[in-house]
Amino acid sequence: AELNSQLRLVEARLVASAPAQLHQTR
């Protein structure tokens, strides 16, 4: 459960950072 919680947080941060990266590369 702890590992899955950590994984979900990392995945959420990756999703949150994706729009910022797209904006930077345009």
mmCIF file of all heavy atoms, coordinates in Angstrom:
data_MODEL
# 
_entry.id   MODEL 
# 
loop_
_atom_site.group_PDB 
_atom_site.id 
_atom_site.type_symbol 
_atom_site.label_atom_id 
_atom_site.label_alt_id 
_atom_site.label_comp_id 
_atom_site.label_asym_id 
_atom_site.label_entity_id 
_atom_site.label_seq_id 
_atom_site.pdbx_PDB_ins_code 
_atom_site.Cartn_x 
_atom_site.Cartn_y 
_atom_site.Cartn_z 
_atom_site.occupancy 
_atom_site.B_iso_or_equiv 
_atom_site.pdbx_formal_charge 
_atom_site.auth_seq_id 
_atom_site.auth_comp_id 
_atom_site.auth_asym_id 
_atom_site.auth_atom_id 
_atom_site.pdbx_PDB_model_num 
ATOM 1   N N   . ALA A 1 1  ? 0.829  -1.212 0.000   1.00 0.00 ? 1  ALA A N   1 
ATOM 2   C CA  . ALA A 1 1  ? 0.000  0.000  0.000   1.00 0.00 ? 1  ALA A CA  1 
ATOM 3   C C   . ALA A 1 1  ? 0.861  1.258  0.000   1.00 0.00 ? 1  ALA A C   1 
ATOM 4   O O   . ALA A 1 1  ? 0.564  2.230  -0.720  1.00 0.00 ? 1  ALA A O   1 
ATOM 5   C CB  . ALA A 1 1  ? -0.936 -0.005 1.202   1.00 0.00 ? 1  ALA A CB  1 
ATOM 6   N N   . GLU A 1 2  ? 1.936  1.255  0.791   1.00 0.00 ? 2  GLU A N   1 
ATOM 7   C CA  . GLU A 1 2  ? 2.821  2.417  0.836   1.00 0.00 ? 2  GLU A CA  1 
ATOM 8   C C   . GLU A 1 2  ? 3.492  2.659  -0.513  1.00 0.00 ? 2  GLU A C   1 
ATOM 9   O O   . GLU A 1 2  ? 3.561  3.790  -0.995  1.00 0.00 ? 2  GLU A O   1 
ATOM 10  C CB  . GLU A 1 2  ? 3.876  2.247  1.928   1.00 0.00 ? 2  GLU A CB  1 
ATOM 11  C CG  . GLU A 1 2  ? 3.318  2.396  3.325   1.00 0.00 ? 2  GLU A CG  1 
ATOM 12  C CD  . GLU A 1 2  ? 4.357  2.153  4.404   1.00 0.00 ? 2  GLU A CD  1 
ATOM 13  O OE1 . GLU A 1 2  ? 5.488  1.700  4.096   1.00 0.00 ? 2  GLU A OE1 1 
ATOM 14  O OE2 . GLU A 1 2  ? 4.043  2.407  5.579   1.00 0.00 ? 2  GLU A OE2 1 
ATOM 15  N N   . LEU A 1 3  ? 3.982  1.588  -1.127  1.00 0.00 ? 3  LEU A N   1 
ATOM 16  C CA  . LEU A 1 3  ? 4.629  1.729  -2.428  1.00 0.00 ? 3  LEU A CA  1 
ATOM 17  C C   . LEU A 1 3  ? 3.645  2.217  -3.487  1.00 0.00 ? 3  LEU A C   1 
ATOM 18  O O   . LEU A 1 3  ? 3.979  3.080  -4.309  1.00 0.00 ? 3  LEU A O   1 
ATOM 19  C CB  . LEU A 1 3  ? 5.254  0.400  -2.852  1.00 0.00 ? 3  LEU A CB  1 
ATOM 20  C CG  . LEU A 1 3  ? 6.497  -0.009 -2.077  1.00 0.00 ? 3  LEU A CG  1 
ATOM 21  C CD1 . LEU A 1 3  ? 6.847  -1.468 -2.368  1.00 0.00 ? 3  LEU A CD1 1 
ATOM 22  C CD2 . LEU A 1 3  ? 7.665  0.901  -2.405  1.00 0.00 ? 3  LEU A CD2 1 
ATOM 23  N N   . ASN A 1 4  ? 2.435  1.691  -3.466  1.00 0.00 ? 4  ASN A N   1 
ATOM 24  C CA  . ASN A 1 4  ? 1.420  2.144  -4.429  1.00 0.00 ? 4  ASN A CA  1 
ATOM 25  C C   . ASN A 1 4  ? 1.070  3.610  -4.216  1.00 0.00 ? 4  ASN A C   1 
ATOM 26  O O   . ASN A 1 4  ? 0.845  4.346  -5.184  1.00 0.00 ? 4  ASN A O   1 
ATOM 27  C CB  . ASN A 1 4  ? 0.170  1.265  -4.354  1.00 0.00 ? 4  ASN A CB  1 
ATOM 28  C CG  . ASN A 1 4  ? 0.303  0.015  -5.187  1.00 0.00 ? 4  ASN A CG  1 
ATOM 29  O OD1 . ASN A 1 4  ? 0.824  0.049  -6.297  1.00 0.00 ? 4  ASN A OD1 1 
ATOM 30  N ND2 . ASN A 1 4  ? -0.150 -1.101 -4.654  1.00 0.00 ? 4  ASN A ND2 1 
ATOM 31  N N   . SER A 1 5  ? 1.032  4.053  -2.966  1.00 0.00 ? 5  SER A N   1 
ATOM 32  C CA  . SER A 1 5  ? 0.762  5.463  -2.679  1.00 0.00 ? 5  SER A CA  1 
ATOM 33  C C   . SER A 1 5  ? 1.884  6.341  -3.226  1.00 0.00 ? 5  SER A C   1 
ATOM 34  O O   . SER A 1 5  ? 1.629  7.396  -3.818  1.00 0.00 ? 5  SER A O   1 
ATOM 35  C CB  . SER A 1 5  ? 0.616  5.685  -1.174  1.00 0.00 ? 5  SER A CB  1 
ATOM 36  O OG  . SER A 1 5  ? -0.532 5.047  -0.698  1.00 0.00 ? 5  SER A OG  1 
ATOM 37  N N   . GLN A 1 6  ? 3.114  5.908  -3.031  1.00 0.00 ? 6  GLN A N   1 
ATOM 38  C CA  . GLN A 1 6  ? 4.245  6.665  -3.562  1.00 0.00 ? 6  GLN A CA  1 
ATOM 39  C C   . GLN A 1 6  ? 4.193  6.707  -5.086  1.00 0.00 ? 6  GLN A C   1 
ATOM 40  O O   . GLN A 1 6  ? 4.419  7.765  -5.692  1.00 0.00 ? 6  GLN A O   1 
ATOM 41  C CB  . GLN A 1 6  ? 5.562  6.034  -3.101  1.00 0.00 ? 6  GLN A CB  1 
ATOM 42  C CG  . GLN A 1 6  ? 5.816  6.202  -1.623  1.00 0.00 ? 6  GLN A CG  1 
ATOM 43  C CD  . GLN A 1 6  ? 7.045  5.440  -1.177  1.00 0.00 ? 6  GLN A CD  1 
ATOM 44  O OE1 . GLN A 1 6  ? 7.301  4.325  -1.625  1.00 0.00 ? 6  GLN A OE1 1 
ATOM 45  N NE2 . GLN A 1 6  ? 7.800  6.040  -0.268  1.00 0.00 ? 6  GLN A NE2 1 
ATOM 46  N N   . LEU A 1 7  ? 3.882  5.586  -5.684  1.00 0.00 ? 7  LEU A N   1 
ATOM 47  C CA  . LEU A 1 7  ? 3.794  5.521  -7.142  1.00 0.00 ? 7  LEU A CA  1 
ATOM 48  C C   . LEU A 1 7  ? 2.703  6.448  -7.668  1.00 0.00 ? 7  LEU A C   1 
ATOM 49  O O   . LEU A 1 7  ? 2.903  7.166  -8.647  1.00 0.00 ? 7  LEU A O   1 
ATOM 50  C CB  . LEU A 1 7  ? 3.540  4.074  -7.580  1.00 0.00 ? 7  LEU A CB  1 
ATOM 51  C CG  . LEU A 1 7  ? 3.491  3.794  -9.072  1.00 0.00 ? 7  LEU A CG  1 
ATOM 52  C CD1 . LEU A 1 7  ? 4.772  4.239  -9.766  1.00 0.00 ? 7  LEU A CD1 1 
ATOM 53  C CD2 . LEU A 1 7  ? 3.231  2.312  -9.316  1.00 0.00 ? 7  LEU A CD2 1 
ATOM 54  N N   . ARG A 1 8  ? 1.544  6.476  -7.009  1.00 0.00 ? 8  ARG A N   1 
ATOM 55  C CA  . ARG A 1 8  ? 0.460  7.371  -7.442  1.00 0.00 ? 8  ARG A CA  1 
ATOM 56  C C   . ARG A 1 8  ? 0.883  8.836  -7.356  1.00 0.00 ? 8  ARG A C   1 
ATOM 57  O O   . ARG A 1 8  ? 0.546  9.637  -8.229  1.00 0.00 ? 8  ARG A O   1 
ATOM 58  C CB  . ARG A 1 8  ? -0.804 7.114  -6.636  1.00 0.00 ? 8  ARG A CB  1 
ATOM 59  C CG  . ARG A 1 8  ? -1.551 5.865  -7.071  1.00 0.00 ? 8  ARG A CG  1 
ATOM 60  C CD  . ARG A 1 8  ? -2.946 5.793  -6.501  1.00 0.00 ? 8  ARG A CD  1 
ATOM 61  N NE  . ARG A 1 8  ? -2.986 5.913  -5.057  1.00 0.00 ? 8  ARG A NE  1 
ATOM 62  C CZ  . ARG A 1 8  ? -2.935 4.887  -4.195  1.00 0.00 ? 8  ARG A CZ  1 
ATOM 63  N NH1 . ARG A 1 8  ? -2.831 3.669  -4.642  1.00 0.00 ? 8  ARG A NH1 1 
ATOM 64  N NH2 . ARG A 1 8  ? -2.994 5.091  -2.905  1.00 0.00 ? 8  ARG A NH2 1 
ATOM 65  N N   . LEU A 1 9  ? 1.623  9.195  -6.303  1.00 0.00 ? 9  LEU A N   1 
ATOM 66  C CA  . LEU A 1 9  ? 2.080  10.578 -6.175  1.00 0.00 ? 9  LEU A CA  1 
ATOM 67  C C   . LEU A 1 9  ? 3.043  10.931 -7.308  1.00 0.00 ? 9  LEU A C   1 
ATOM 68  O O   . LEU A 1 9  ? 2.926  11.999 -7.920  1.00 0.00 ? 9  LEU A O   1 
ATOM 69  C CB  . LEU A 1 9  ? 2.753  10.807 -4.821  1.00 0.00 ? 9  LEU A CB  1 
ATOM 70  C CG  . LEU A 1 9  ? 3.347  12.204 -4.617  1.00 0.00 ? 9  LEU A CG  1 
ATOM 71  C CD1 . LEU A 1 9  ? 2.266  13.280 -4.683  1.00 0.00 ? 9  LEU A CD1 1 
ATOM 72  C CD2 . LEU A 1 9  ? 4.106  12.278 -3.314  1.00 0.00 ? 9  LEU A CD2 1 
ATOM 73  N N   . VAL A 1 10 ? 3.974  10.047 -7.595  1.00 0.00 ? 10 VAL A N   1 
ATOM 74  C CA  . VAL A 1 10 ? 4.925  10.305 -8.682  1.00 0.00 ? 10 VAL A CA  1 
ATOM 75  C C   . VAL A 1 10 ? 4.190  10.418 -10.011 1.00 0.00 ? 10 VAL A C   1 
ATOM 76  O O   . VAL A 1 10 ? 4.461  11.326 -10.808 1.00 0.00 ? 10 VAL A O   1 
ATOM 77  C CB  . VAL A 1 10 ? 6.011  9.202  -8.733  1.00 0.00 ? 10 VAL A CB  1 
ATOM 78  C CG1 . VAL A 1 10 ? 6.841  9.307  -10.002 1.00 0.00 ? 10 VAL A CG1 1 
ATOM 79  C CG2 . VAL A 1 10 ? 6.906  9.293  -7.501  1.00 0.00 ? 10 VAL A CG2 1 
ATOM 80  N N   . GLU A 1 11 ? 3.238  9.526  -10.259 1.00 0.00 ? 11 GLU A N   1 
ATOM 81  C CA  . GLU A 1 11 ? 2.467  9.593  -11.501 1.00 0.00 ? 11 GLU A CA  1 
ATOM 82  C C   . GLU A 1 11 ? 1.679  10.898 -11.595 1.00 0.00 ? 11 GLU A C   1 
ATOM 83  O O   . GLU A 1 11 ? 1.609  11.513 -12.662 1.00 0.00 ? 11 GLU A O   1 
ATOM 84  C CB  . GLU A 1 11 ? 1.534  8.389  -11.611 1.00 0.00 ? 11 GLU A CB  1 
ATOM 85  C CG  . GLU A 1 11 ? 2.280  7.094  -11.888 1.00 0.00 ? 11 GLU A CG  1 
ATOM 86  C CD  . GLU A 1 11 ? 1.410  5.861  -11.804 1.00 0.00 ? 11 GLU A CD  1 
ATOM 87  O OE1 . GLU A 1 11 ? 0.329  5.911  -11.164 1.00 0.00 ? 11 GLU A OE1 1 
ATOM 88  O OE2 . GLU A 1 11 ? 1.812  4.833  -12.370 1.00 0.00 ? 11 GLU A OE2 1 
ATOM 89  N N   . ALA A 1 12 ? 1.106  11.341 -10.482 1.00 0.00 ? 12 ALA A N   1 
ATOM 90  C CA  . ALA A 1 12 ? 0.363  12.609 -10.478 1.00 0.00 ? 12 ALA A CA  1 
ATOM 91  C C   . ALA A 1 12 ? 1.284  13.783 -10.784 1.00 0.00 ? 12 ALA A C   1 
ATOM 92  O O   . ALA A 1 12 ? 0.913  14.702 -11.523 1.00 0.00 ? 12 ALA A O   1 
ATOM 93  C CB  . ALA A 1 12 ? -0.332 12.807 -9.130  1.00 0.00 ? 12 ALA A CB  1 
ATOM 94  N N   . ARG A 1 13 ? 2.481  13.751 -10.240 1.00 0.00 ? 13 ARG A N   1 
ATOM 95  C CA  . ARG A 1 13 ? 3.428  14.836 -10.524 1.00 0.00 ? 13 ARG A CA  1 
ATOM 96  C C   . ARG A 1 13 ? 3.863  14.824 -11.978 1.00 0.00 ? 13 ARG A C   1 
ATOM 97  O O   . ARG A 1 13 ? 4.072  15.876 -12.581 1.00 0.00 ? 13 ARG A O   1 
ATOM 98  C CB  . ARG A 1 13 ? 4.631  14.746 -9.588  1.00 0.00 ? 13 ARG A CB  1 
ATOM 99  C CG  . ARG A 1 13 ? 4.255  15.142 -8.172  1.00 0.00 ? 13 ARG A CG  1 
ATOM 100 C CD  . ARG A 1 13 ? 5.439  15.456 -7.353  1.00 0.00 ? 13 ARG A CD  1 
ATOM 101 N NE  . ARG A 1 13 ? 5.030  15.867 -6.014  1.00 0.00 ? 13 ARG A NE  1 
ATOM 102 C CZ  . ARG A 1 13 ? 5.867  16.122 -5.033  1.00 0.00 ? 13 ARG A CZ  1 
ATOM 103 N NH1 . ARG A 1 13 ? 7.156  16.016 -5.246  1.00 0.00 ? 13 ARG A NH1 1 
ATOM 104 N NH2 . ARG A 1 13 ? 5.420  16.487 -3.870  1.00 0.00 ? 13 ARG A NH2 1 
ATOM 105 N N   . LEU A 1 14 ? 4.012  13.638 -12.545 1.00 0.00 ? 14 LEU A N   1 
ATOM 106 C CA  . LEU A 1 14 ? 4.363  13.558 -13.962 1.00 0.00 ? 14 LEU A CA  1 
ATOM 107 C C   . LEU A 1 14 ? 3.253  14.119 -14.831 1.00 0.00 ? 14 LEU A C   1 
ATOM 108 O O   . LEU A 1 14 ? 3.515  14.851 -15.790 1.00 0.00 ? 14 LEU A O   1 
ATOM 109 C CB  . LEU A 1 14 ? 4.662  12.103 -14.349 1.00 0.00 ? 14 LEU A CB  1 
ATOM 110 C CG  . LEU A 1 14 ? 6.040  11.597 -13.947 1.00 0.00 ? 14 LEU A CG  1 
ATOM 111 C CD1 . LEU A 1 14 ? 6.107  10.089 -14.082 1.00 0.00 ? 14 LEU A CD1 1 
ATOM 112 C CD2 . LEU A 1 14 ? 7.119  12.270 -14.791 1.00 0.00 ? 14 LEU A CD2 1 
ATOM 113 N N   . VAL A 1 15 ? 2.018  13.797 -14.506 1.00 0.00 ? 15 VAL A N   1 
ATOM 114 C CA  . VAL A 1 15 ? 0.879  14.326 -15.267 1.00 0.00 ? 15 VAL A CA  1 
ATOM 115 C C   . VAL A 1 15 ? 0.812  15.841 -15.122 1.00 0.00 ? 15 VAL A C   1 
ATOM 116 O O   . VAL A 1 15 ? 0.597  16.565 -16.095 1.00 0.00 ? 15 VAL A O   1 
ATOM 117 C CB  . VAL A 1 15 ? -0.442 13.668 -14.800 1.00 0.00 ? 15 VAL A CB  1 
ATOM 118 C CG1 . VAL A 1 15 ? -1.647 14.398 -15.355 1.00 0.00 ? 15 VAL A CG1 1 
ATOM 119 C CG2 . VAL A 1 15 ? -0.461 12.201 -15.202 1.00 0.00 ? 15 VAL A CG2 1 
ATOM 120 N N   . ALA A 1 16 ? 1.043  16.332 -13.911 1.00 0.00 ? 16 ALA A N   1 
ATOM 121 C CA  . ALA A 1 16 ? 0.986  17.773 -13.674 1.00 0.00 ? 16 ALA A CA  1 
ATOM 122 C C   . ALA A 1 16 ? 2.108  18.510 -14.401 1.00 0.00 ? 16 ALA A C   1 
ATOM 123 O O   . ALA A 1 16 ? 1.931  19.650 -14.822 1.00 0.00 ? 16 ALA A O   1 
ATOM 124 C CB  . ALA A 1 16 ? 1.062  18.059 -12.178 1.00 0.00 ? 16 ALA A CB  1 
ATOM 125 N N   . SER A 1 17 ? 3.246  17.855 -14.559 1.00 0.00 ? 17 SER A N   1 
ATOM 126 C CA  . SER A 1 17 ? 4.368  18.524 -15.221 1.00 0.00 ? 17 SER A CA  1 
ATOM 127 C C   . SER A 1 17 ? 4.261  18.466 -16.736 1.00 0.00 ? 17 SER A C   1 
ATOM 128 O O   . SER A 1 17 ? 4.913  19.235 -17.433 1.00 0.00 ? 17 SER A O   1 
ATOM 129 C CB  . SER A 1 17 ? 5.700  17.906 -14.775 1.00 0.00 ? 17 SER A CB  1 
ATOM 130 O OG  . SER A 1 17 ? 5.866  16.614 -15.314 1.00 0.00 ? 17 SER A OG  1 
ATOM 131 N N   . ALA A 1 18 ? 3.451  17.589 -17.272 1.00 0.00 ? 18 ALA A N   1 
ATOM 132 C CA  . ALA A 1 18 ? 3.342  17.429 -18.727 1.00 0.00 ? 18 ALA A CA  1 
ATOM 133 C C   . ALA A 1 18 ? 2.881  18.704 -19.429 1.00 0.00 ? 18 ALA A C   1 
ATOM 134 O O   . ALA A 1 18 ? 3.496  19.107 -20.416 1.00 0.00 ? 18 ALA A O   1 
ATOM 135 C CB  . ALA A 1 18 ? 2.430  16.257 -19.071 1.00 0.00 ? 18 ALA A CB  1 
ATOM 136 N N   . PRO A 1 19 ? 1.827  19.384 -18.977 1.00 0.00 ? 19 PRO A N   1 
ATOM 137 C CA  . PRO A 1 19 ? 1.418  20.617 -19.667 1.00 0.00 ? 19 PRO A CA  1 
ATOM 138 C C   . PRO A 1 19 ? 2.504  21.689 -19.646 1.00 0.00 ? 19 PRO A C   1 
ATOM 139 O O   . PRO A 1 19 ? 2.698  22.388 -20.623 1.00 0.00 ? 19 PRO A O   1 
ATOM 140 C CB  . PRO A 1 19 ? 0.182  21.084 -18.900 1.00 0.00 ? 19 PRO A CB  1 
ATOM 141 C CG  . PRO A 1 19 ? -0.346 19.853 -18.252 1.00 0.00 ? 19 PRO A CG  1 
ATOM 142 C CD  . PRO A 1 19 ? 0.868  19.009 -17.950 1.00 0.00 ? 19 PRO A CD  1 
ATOM 143 N N   . ALA A 1 20 ? 3.234  21.773 -18.560 1.00 0.00 ? 20 ALA A N   1 
ATOM 144 C CA  . ALA A 1 20 ? 4.300  22.771 -18.471 1.00 0.00 ? 20 ALA A CA  1 
ATOM 145 C C   . ALA A 1 20 ? 5.396  22.462 -19.481 1.00 0.00 ? 20 ALA A C   1 
ATOM 146 O O   . ALA A 1 20 ? 5.947  23.360 -20.116 1.00 0.00 ? 20 ALA A O   1 
ATOM 147 C CB  . ALA A 1 20 ? 4.871  22.804 -17.053 1.00 0.00 ? 20 ALA A CB  1 
ATOM 148 N N   . GLN A 1 21 ? 5.715  21.181 -19.637 1.00 0.00 ? 21 GLN A N   1 
ATOM 149 C CA  . GLN A 1 21 ? 6.746  20.804 -20.597 1.00 0.00 ? 21 GLN A CA  1 
ATOM 150 C C   . GLN A 1 21 ? 6.280  21.062 -22.023 1.00 0.00 ? 21 GLN A C   1 
ATOM 151 O O   . GLN A 1 21 ? 7.056  21.501 -22.859 1.00 0.00 ? 21 GLN A O   1 
ATOM 152 C CB  . GLN A 1 21 ? 7.114  19.338 -20.426 1.00 0.00 ? 21 GLN A CB  1 
ATOM 153 C CG  . GLN A 1 21 ? 7.870  19.085 -19.149 1.00 0.00 ? 21 GLN A CG  1 
ATOM 154 C CD  . GLN A 1 21 ? 8.118  17.610 -18.940 1.00 0.00 ? 21 GLN A CD  1 
ATOM 155 O OE1 . GLN A 1 21 ? 7.598  16.778 -19.663 1.00 0.00 ? 21 GLN A OE1 1 
ATOM 156 N NE2 . GLN A 1 21 ? 8.909  17.299 -17.942 1.00 0.00 ? 21 GLN A NE2 1 
ATOM 157 N N   . LEU A 1 22 ? 5.028  20.795 -22.312 1.00 0.00 ? 22 LEU A N   1 
ATOM 158 C CA  . LEU A 1 22 ? 4.508  21.071 -23.661 1.00 0.00 ? 22 LEU A CA  1 
ATOM 159 C C   . LEU A 1 22 ? 4.578  22.542 -23.965 1.00 0.00 ? 22 LEU A C   1 
ATOM 160 O O   . LEU A 1 22 ? 4.928  22.957 -25.069 1.00 0.00 ? 22 LEU A O   1 
ATOM 161 C CB  . LEU A 1 22 ? 3.077  20.573 -23.776 1.00 0.00 ? 22 LEU A CB  1 
ATOM 162 C CG  . LEU A 1 22 ? 2.879  19.063 -23.855 1.00 0.00 ? 22 LEU A CG  1 
ATOM 163 C CD1 . LEU A 1 22 ? 1.395  18.733 -23.841 1.00 0.00 ? 22 LEU A CD1 1 
ATOM 164 C CD2 . LEU A 1 22 ? 3.542  18.484 -25.073 1.00 0.00 ? 22 LEU A CD2 1 
ATOM 165 N N   . HIS A 1 23 ? 4.238  23.366 -22.981 1.00 0.00 ? 23 HIS A N   1 
ATOM 166 C CA  . HIS A 1 23 ? 4.269  24.811 -23.160 1.00 0.00 ? 23 HIS A CA  1 
ATOM 167 C C   . HIS A 1 23 ? 5.694  25.282 -23.435 1.00 0.00 ? 23 HIS A C   1 
ATOM 168 O O   . HIS A 1 23 ? 5.923  26.159 -24.266 1.00 0.00 ? 23 HIS A O   1 
ATOM 169 C CB  . HIS A 1 23 ? 3.698  25.512 -21.926 1.00 0.00 ? 23 HIS A CB  1 
ATOM 170 C CG  . HIS A 1 23 ? 3.680  26.987 -22.043 1.00 0.00 ? 23 HIS A CG  1 
ATOM 171 N ND1 . HIS A 1 23 ? 2.866  27.654 -22.930 1.00 0.00 ? 23 HIS A ND1 1 
ATOM 172 C CD2 . HIS A 1 23 ? 4.397  27.940 -21.403 1.00 0.00 ? 23 HIS A CD2 1 
ATOM 173 C CE1 . HIS A 1 23 ? 3.076  28.946 -22.819 1.00 0.00 ? 23 HIS A CE1 1 
ATOM 174 N NE2 . HIS A 1 23 ? 4.005  29.147 -21.901 1.00 0.00 ? 23 HIS A NE2 1 
ATOM 175 N N   . GLN A 1 24 ? 6.675  24.703 -22.744 1.00 0.00 ? 24 GLN A N   1 
ATOM 176 C CA  . GLN A 1 24 ? 8.061  25.099 -22.909 1.00 0.00 ? 24 GLN A CA  1 
ATOM 177 C C   . GLN A 1 24 ? 8.618  24.704 -24.258 1.00 0.00 ? 24 GLN A C   1 
ATOM 178 O O   . GLN A 1 24 ? 9.487  25.359 -24.801 1.00 0.00 ? 24 GLN A O   1 
ATOM 179 C CB  . GLN A 1 24 ? 8.941  24.501 -21.808 1.00 0.00 ? 24 GLN A CB  1 
ATOM 180 C CG  . GLN A 1 24 ? 8.677  25.076 -20.449 1.00 0.00 ? 24 GLN A CG  1 
ATOM 181 C CD  . GLN A 1 24 ? 9.441  24.339 -19.367 1.00 0.00 ? 24 GLN A CD  1 
ATOM 182 O OE1 . GLN A 1 24 ? 10.091 23.337 -19.604 1.00 0.00 ? 24 GLN A OE1 1 
ATOM 183 N NE2 . GLN A 1 24 ? 9.351  24.854 -18.148 1.00 0.00 ? 24 GLN A NE2 1 
ATOM 184 N N   . THR A 1 25 ? 8.143  23.588 -24.813 1.00 0.00 ? 25 THR A N   1 
ATOM 185 C CA  . THR A 1 25 ? 8.718  23.110 -26.065 1.00 0.00 ? 25 THR A CA  1 
ATOM 186 C C   . THR A 1 25 ? 8.033  23.677 -27.296 1.00 0.00 ? 25 THR A C   1 
ATOM 187 O O   . THR A 1 25 ? 8.516  23.489 -28.397 1.00 0.00 ? 25 THR A O   1 
ATOM 188 C CB  . THR A 1 25 ? 8.640  21.562 -26.132 1.00 0.00 ? 25 THR A CB  1 
ATOM 189 O OG1 . THR A 1 25 ? 7.278  21.154 -26.017 1.00 0.00 ? 25 THR A OG1 1 
ATOM 190 C CG2 . THR A 1 25 ? 9.486  20.941 -25.047 1.00 0.00 ? 25 THR A CG2 1 
ATOM 191 N N   . ARG A 1 26 ? 6.927  24.346 -27.139 1.00 0.00 ? 26 ARG A N   1 
ATOM 192 C CA  . ARG A 1 26 ? 6.242  24.932 -28.292 1.00 0.00 ? 26 ARG A CA  1 
ATOM 193 C C   . ARG A 1 26 ? 7.079  26.083 -28.859 1.00 0.00 ? 26 ARG A C   1 
ATOM 194 O O   . ARG A 1 26 ? 7.614  26.901 -28.137 1.00 0.00 ? 26 ARG A O   1 
ATOM 195 C CB  . ARG A 1 26 ? 4.864  25.464 -27.892 1.00 0.00 ? 26 ARG A CB  1 
ATOM 196 C CG  . ARG A 1 26 ? 3.876  24.375 -27.667 1.00 0.00 ? 26 ARG A CG  1 
ATOM 197 C CD  . ARG A 1 26 ? 2.514  24.961 -27.471 1.00 0.00 ? 26 ARG A CD  1 
ATOM 198 N NE  . ARG A 1 26 ? 1.575  23.914 -27.159 1.00 0.00 ? 26 ARG A NE  1 
ATOM 199 C CZ  . ARG A 1 26 ? 0.420  24.110 -26.561 1.00 0.00 ? 26 ARG A CZ  1 
ATOM 200 N NH1 . ARG A 1 26 ? 0.058  25.334 -26.209 1.00 0.00 ? 26 ARG A NH1 1 
ATOM 201 N NH2 . ARG A 1 26 ? -0.375 23.114 -26.314 1.00 0.00 ? 26 ARG A NH2 1 
# 
